[in-house]
Amino acid sequence: MECQNCPIGQTAPHSFPPQHQDQQPGLECQMNPRPISECAPTGPKLANRVALITGGDSGIGRAVAYAIAKEGAKVSIAYYDEDRDAQETAEHIRQLGGECLLLRGDLKDPAFAKRCVEQTVEHFGTLDILINNHAVQFIRRSILDITREQLSLVFQNNVYSFFYLIQAALPHLHPGSSIINTTSVTAYQGHKDLIDYSATKGAIVALTRSLALSLVDQGIRVNAVAPGPIWTPLIPASFSAEEVRTFGSSTSKVPMLRAGQPCEVAPCYVFLASDDSSYMTGQVLHPNGGTIVGS
């Protein structure tokens, strides 16, 4: 049952009339207003919304693009140079009945990040969902092997570009909009061979929490997803053939004894982008095969 002046989706203070019951655990039928136990049906969760997804050509980004397109969202995909993967993704979104705009370029360049937002708004008329998902990683057996050039590249690609996109998108976002950042289990557990990458993912957690506090008064929610080992193109591009063979199967790290698939991660993004998560901001979801981490 819904009450008048329903607080769902609002960020302004909401108070209740004074009342008390003399028994535990209490009776809902005596409450005023009654708790809201069922949201009004709306059809597809993301109907008429527009999402910009970075790294959406493949892997997790592709799976997220498919999932939100199925929920009615129009999709812009920013990608680096993986033209064949990007075209496959766009074609499948159209087969699903969705709309897709491809944006090719380097998100380390703030001008391209701004152009991604501007072209999305120009093409679709609005922007409701920003999903910062792209990343690079390079295996190094020691911190002594991380050059200044690599350190700069990894932070510019994995962190700076998130700032560029958020700064460009914010003037177009509105109450009810959602920003979702992809972090990683490595932000919580670390990784001995991915020190700089793990550091960027920790920065993304802090960015998510701080930005959520900054934007809550504007009604814009900011959350993150921290995948565990997921079978994406980043894996064979990062690890040796032998490491790929056993990827995700370590009993000490993944209780489910396997790597996850992108389609097993995508529902987290749909949830965080939709009104189903209207009471969540500054949070991180952990699809990681059962690894227990601090939140």
Protein backbone atom coordinates (compact mmCIF):
# COMPACT_ATOMS: atom_id res chain seq x y z
CA MET A 1 0.00 0.00 0.00
CA GLU A 2 1.32 3.43 -0.93
CA CYS A 3 1.11 6.55 1.20
CA GLN A 4 0.58 10.10 0.07
CA ASN A 5 3.78 12.00 -0.64
CA CYS A 6 5.62 8.72 -1.20
CA PRO A 7 9.30 9.16 -0.23
CA ILE A 8 10.69 6.60 -2.70
CA GLY A 9 13.19 8.28 -4.95
CA GLN A 10 13.29 11.45 -2.86
CA THR A 11 16.26 12.81 -0.95
CA ALA A 12 14.40 15.41 1.14
CA PRO A 13 13.69 14.55 4.80
CA HIS A 14 10.54 12.50 5.29
CA SER A 15 8.88 12.21 8.71
CA PHE A 16 6.08 10.08 10.14
CA PRO A 17 3.16 11.02 12.42
CA PRO A 18 3.85 10.25 16.11
CA GLN A 19 2.56 6.78 17.05
CA HIS A 20 3.30 3.86 19.34
CA GLN A 21 2.23 0.24 19.73
CA ASP A 22 2.34 -1.69 23.02
CA GLN A 23 3.25 -5.10 21.58
CA GLN A 24 6.16 -6.71 19.75
CA PRO A 25 6.85 -7.13 16.90
CA GLY A 26 3.96 -4.78 16.09
CA LEU A 27 1.03 -4.71 13.67
CA GLU A 28 1.35 -3.25 10.22
CA CYS A 29 -2.40 -2.77 9.99
CA GLN A 30 -2.18 -0.14 12.76
CA MET A 31 0.60 1.89 11.15
CA ASN A 32 0.03 5.33 9.68
CA PRO A 33 1.08 5.59 6.95
CA ARG A 34 1.29 1.93 6.00
CA PRO A 35 4.70 0.69 4.78
CA ILE A 36 5.10 0.57 1.01
CA SER A 37 5.26 -3.13 0.25
CA GLU A 38 4.80 -3.07 -3.52
CA CYS A 39 6.02 -0.60 -6.09
CA ALA A 40 3.74 0.35 -8.94
CA PRO A 41 4.32 -1.80 -12.05
CA THR A 42 6.28 0.08 -14.68
CA GLY A 43 6.97 -2.50 -17.40
CA PRO A 44 10.65 -2.73 -18.43
CA LYS A 45 12.86 -1.46 -15.62
CA LEU A 46 14.76 1.03 -17.78
CA ALA A 47 12.19 2.05 -20.38
CA ASN A 48 12.93 5.37 -22.10
CA ARG A 49 16.26 5.77 -20.32
CA VAL A 50 19.61 6.37 -21.99
CA ALA A 51 22.86 4.80 -20.81
CA LEU A 52 26.46 5.51 -21.72
CA ILE A 53 28.63 2.45 -21.12
CA THR A 54 32.41 2.56 -21.43
CA GLY A 55 34.21 -0.58 -22.49
CA GLY A 56 30.84 -1.77 -23.76
CA ASP A 57 32.21 -3.53 -26.82
CA SER A 58 33.03 -6.78 -25.00
CA GLY A 59 33.22 -8.59 -21.68
CA ILE A 60 31.26 -7.17 -18.77
CA GLY A 61 30.42 -4.01 -20.68
CA ARG A 62 28.85 -5.97 -23.54
CA ALA A 63 26.81 -8.10 -21.14
CA VAL A 64 25.60 -4.97 -19.34
CA ALA A 65 24.66 -3.36 -22.66
CA TYR A 66 22.57 -6.40 -23.60
CA ALA A 67 20.92 -6.57 -20.19
CA ILE A 68 19.91 -2.93 -20.00
CA ALA A 69 18.77 -2.91 -23.64
CA LYS A 70 16.43 -5.80 -22.77
CA GLU A 71 15.04 -3.57 -20.02
CA GLY A 72 14.22 -0.81 -22.49
CA ALA A 73 17.25 1.48 -22.32
CA LYS A 74 18.92 3.08 -25.32
CA VAL A 75 22.67 2.55 -25.27
CA SER A 76 25.81 4.46 -26.19
CA ILE A 77 29.01 2.43 -26.13
CA ALA A 78 32.42 4.05 -25.80
CA TYR A 79 35.30 1.79 -26.83
CA TYR A 80 38.98 2.10 -27.72
CA ASP A 81 39.74 0.38 -31.05
CA GLU A 82 38.03 -3.04 -30.91
CA ASP A 83 35.89 -2.36 -33.99
CA ARG A 84 34.78 -5.93 -34.70
CA ASP A 85 33.66 -6.55 -31.11
CA ALA A 86 31.87 -3.19 -31.00
CA GLN A 87 30.01 -3.84 -34.23
CA GLU A 88 28.92 -7.29 -33.00
CA THR A 89 27.61 -5.74 -29.79
CA ALA A 90 25.71 -2.99 -31.59
CA GLU A 91 24.21 -5.45 -34.07
CA HIS A 92 22.95 -7.72 -31.30
CA ILE A 93 21.42 -4.81 -29.39
CA ARG A 94 19.50 -3.90 -32.53
CA GLN A 95 18.40 -7.53 -32.90
CA LEU A 96 17.02 -7.23 -29.37
CA GLY A 97 14.95 -4.27 -30.55
CA GLY A 98 17.20 -1.67 -28.93
CA GLU A 99 19.15 1.32 -30.16
CA CYS A 100 22.94 1.62 -29.98
CA LEU A 101 25.41 4.40 -30.71
CA LEU A 102 29.10 3.51 -31.03
CA LEU A 103 31.78 5.98 -29.94
CA ARG A 104 35.40 5.12 -30.81
CA GLY A 105 38.32 6.80 -29.09
CA ASP A 106 40.66 7.11 -26.13
CA LEU A 107 38.99 8.00 -22.82
CA LYS A 108 42.32 9.13 -21.40
CA ASP A 109 41.66 12.22 -23.51
CA PRO A 110 39.20 14.47 -21.65
CA ALA A 111 38.03 15.94 -24.96
CA PHE A 112 36.90 12.50 -26.14
CA ALA A 113 35.19 11.80 -22.81
CA LYS A 114 33.27 15.06 -23.19
CA ARG A 115 32.44 14.23 -26.79
CA CYS A 116 31.01 10.85 -25.75
CA VAL A 117 28.55 12.57 -23.45
CA GLU A 118 27.68 15.31 -25.92
CA GLN A 119 27.09 12.90 -28.79
CA THR A 120 24.97 10.65 -26.60
CA VAL A 121 22.76 13.56 -25.57
CA GLU A 122 22.62 14.89 -29.13
CA HIS A 123 21.66 11.47 -30.52
CA PHE A 124 19.19 10.31 -27.86
CA GLY A 125 18.11 13.62 -26.33
CA THR A 126 19.12 12.85 -22.76
CA LEU A 127 21.45 10.89 -20.46
CA ASP A 128 20.17 8.99 -17.43
CA ILE A 129 22.79 6.33 -16.67
CA LEU A 130 26.60 6.55 -16.77
CA ILE A 131 28.47 3.26 -16.43
CA ASN A 132 32.24 3.66 -16.10
CA ASN A 133 33.52 0.20 -16.88
CA HIS A 134 36.73 0.31 -18.94
CA ALA A 135 40.15 -0.69 -17.55
CA VAL A 136 43.61 -1.97 -18.42
CA GLN A 137 45.99 -4.11 -16.37
CA PHE A 138 49.54 -5.35 -16.84
CA ILE A 139 51.12 -8.26 -14.98
CA ARG A 140 54.28 -7.25 -13.11
CA ARG A 141 55.94 -9.62 -10.66
CA SER A 142 57.39 -6.78 -8.57
CA ILE A 143 56.53 -3.15 -7.89
CA LEU A 144 60.10 -2.47 -9.07
CA ASP A 145 58.99 -3.52 -12.56
CA ILE A 146 56.24 -0.89 -12.78
CA THR A 147 57.64 1.96 -14.84
CA ARG A 148 56.56 5.56 -14.47
CA GLU A 149 55.03 5.30 -17.94
CA GLN A 150 52.93 2.26 -16.99
CA LEU A 151 51.84 3.82 -13.69
CA SER A 152 50.71 6.96 -15.48
CA LEU A 153 48.89 4.98 -18.18
CA VAL A 154 47.02 2.75 -15.75
CA PHE A 155 45.86 5.62 -13.53
CA GLN A 156 44.96 7.86 -16.46
CA ASN A 157 42.92 5.09 -18.09
CA ASN A 158 41.36 3.53 -15.00
CA VAL A 159 40.78 6.59 -12.78
CA TYR A 160 41.31 9.95 -14.49
CA SER A 161 38.96 9.01 -17.31
CA PHE A 162 36.21 8.23 -14.80
CA PHE A 163 36.55 11.78 -13.51
CA TYR A 164 36.47 13.20 -17.04
CA LEU A 165 33.28 11.31 -17.88
CA ILE A 166 31.54 12.19 -14.63
CA GLN A 167 32.44 15.86 -15.02
CA ALA A 168 31.10 15.86 -18.58
CA ALA A 169 27.95 13.93 -17.72
CA LEU A 170 26.91 15.71 -14.54
CA PRO A 171 25.34 18.80 -16.18
CA HIS A 172 23.04 16.43 -18.11
CA LEU A 173 22.04 14.19 -15.21
CA HIS A 174 18.94 14.78 -13.11
CA PRO A 175 17.13 13.43 -10.04
CA GLY A 176 16.74 9.68 -10.58
CA SER A 177 19.92 9.38 -12.63
CA SER A 178 22.51 6.75 -11.74
CA ILE A 179 26.29 6.54 -11.98
CA ILE A 180 27.80 3.06 -11.71
CA ASN A 181 31.55 2.45 -11.50
CA THR A 182 33.30 -0.87 -12.06
CA THR A 183 35.85 -1.58 -9.36
CA SER A 184 37.23 -5.06 -8.55
CA VAL A 185 37.72 -7.68 -5.88
CA THR A 186 41.39 -6.63 -6.03
CA ALA A 187 40.42 -3.36 -4.34
CA TYR A 188 39.62 -5.43 -1.24
CA GLN A 189 41.97 -8.41 -1.49
CA GLY A 190 44.85 -6.91 -3.45
CA HIS A 191 46.81 -8.82 -6.10
CA LYS A 192 50.54 -9.37 -5.86
CA ASP A 193 51.05 -9.11 -9.63
CA LEU A 194 48.59 -6.27 -10.26
CA ILE A 195 49.67 -3.66 -7.74
CA ASP A 196 48.98 -0.55 -9.78
CA TYR A 197 45.71 -1.94 -11.17
CA SER A 198 44.53 -2.86 -7.68
CA ALA A 199 45.40 0.64 -6.47
CA THR A 200 43.21 2.17 -9.19
CA LYS A 201 40.33 -0.07 -8.19
CA GLY A 202 40.68 1.03 -4.58
CA ALA A 203 40.57 4.62 -5.78
CA ILE A 204 37.33 3.87 -7.61
CA VAL A 205 35.73 2.61 -4.39
CA ALA A 206 36.68 5.85 -2.64
CA LEU A 207 35.47 7.87 -5.62
CA THR A 208 32.13 6.07 -5.54
CA ARG A 209 31.57 6.67 -1.84
CA SER A 210 32.65 10.31 -1.92
CA LEU A 211 30.71 11.16 -5.07
CA ALA A 212 27.60 9.51 -3.64
CA LEU A 213 27.76 11.87 -0.66
CA SER A 214 28.37 14.83 -2.96
CA LEU A 215 25.41 14.12 -5.25
CA VAL A 216 22.80 12.73 -2.87
CA ASP A 217 21.11 16.11 -2.48
CA GLN A 218 20.68 16.24 -6.26
CA GLY A 219 18.90 12.90 -6.28
CA ILE A 220 21.69 11.25 -8.28
CA ARG A 221 22.78 7.86 -6.98
CA VAL A 222 26.36 6.59 -7.27
CA ASN A 223 27.22 2.93 -6.73
CA ALA A 224 29.78 0.38 -7.88
CA VAL A 225 30.24 -3.26 -8.80
CA ALA A 226 33.35 -5.20 -7.74
CA PRO A 227 33.57 -8.34 -9.90
CA GLY A 228 35.78 -11.24 -9.01
CA PRO A 229 37.49 -13.29 -11.73
CA ILE A 230 35.31 -12.95 -14.83
CA TRP A 231 36.03 -14.49 -18.24
CA THR A 232 36.58 -11.42 -20.45
CA PRO A 233 39.12 -10.45 -23.16
CA LEU A 234 41.17 -8.72 -20.47
CA ILE A 235 42.17 -12.13 -19.11
CA PRO A 236 44.01 -13.68 -22.09
CA ALA A 237 45.38 -10.20 -22.82
CA SER A 238 46.91 -10.08 -19.33
CA PHE A 239 47.94 -13.57 -18.21
CA SER A 240 50.11 -16.35 -19.60
CA ALA A 241 48.53 -19.34 -21.32
CA GLU A 242 49.06 -21.52 -18.23
CA GLU A 243 47.58 -18.89 -15.91
CA VAL A 244 44.57 -18.61 -18.19
CA ARG A 245 44.08 -22.38 -18.05
CA THR A 246 43.55 -22.25 -14.28
CA PHE A 247 41.94 -18.79 -14.14
CA GLY A 248 39.35 -18.53 -11.37
CA SER A 249 39.75 -22.10 -10.15
CA SER A 250 41.88 -21.47 -7.05
CA THR A 251 40.26 -22.92 -3.92
CA SER A 252 41.96 -20.30 -1.76
CA LYS A 253 40.39 -17.39 -3.62
CA VAL A 254 37.12 -18.48 -5.24
CA PRO A 255 34.84 -20.77 -3.22
CA MET A 256 32.79 -21.58 -6.33
CA LEU A 257 35.99 -22.93 -7.96
CA ARG A 258 35.42 -21.22 -11.30
CA ALA A 259 35.55 -17.92 -13.09
CA GLY A 260 32.29 -16.09 -13.61
CA GLN A 261 30.71 -15.15 -16.91
CA PRO A 262 29.86 -11.54 -17.86
CA CYS A 263 26.15 -12.39 -17.94
CA GLU A 264 26.39 -13.30 -14.25
CA VAL A 265 27.62 -9.80 -13.42
CA ALA A 266 25.33 -7.74 -15.65
CA PRO A 267 22.21 -8.02 -13.41
CA CYS A 268 24.07 -6.02 -10.73
CA TYR A 269 24.24 -3.08 -13.10
CA VAL A 270 20.58 -3.38 -14.09
CA PHE A 271 19.63 -3.35 -10.42
CA LEU A 272 21.78 -0.32 -9.62
CA ALA A 273 20.57 1.58 -12.69
CA SER A 274 16.90 0.95 -11.98
CA ASP A 275 14.45 2.15 -9.36
CA ASP A 276 14.81 -1.25 -7.67
CA SER A 277 17.87 0.23 -5.94
CA SER A 278 16.24 3.58 -5.11
CA TYR A 279 17.43 3.36 -1.48
CA MET A 280 21.07 2.59 -2.33
CA THR A 281 23.89 5.01 -2.93
CA GLY A 282 27.60 4.83 -2.12
CA GLN A 283 27.44 1.02 -2.13
CA VAL A 284 29.40 -1.78 -3.83
CA LEU A 285 27.97 -5.09 -5.06
CA HIS A 286 30.28 -8.13 -5.09
CA PRO A 287 29.64 -10.78 -7.78
CA ASN A 288 32.81 -12.73 -7.08
CA GLY A 289 32.06 -16.44 -6.70
CA GLY A 290 31.70 -16.38 -2.93
CA THR A 291 34.84 -14.53 -1.83
CA ILE A 292 34.15 -12.76 1.45
CA VAL A 293 35.41 -9.19 1.44
CA GLY A 294 34.89 -6.05 3.48
CA SER A 295 32.11 -3.93 2.02
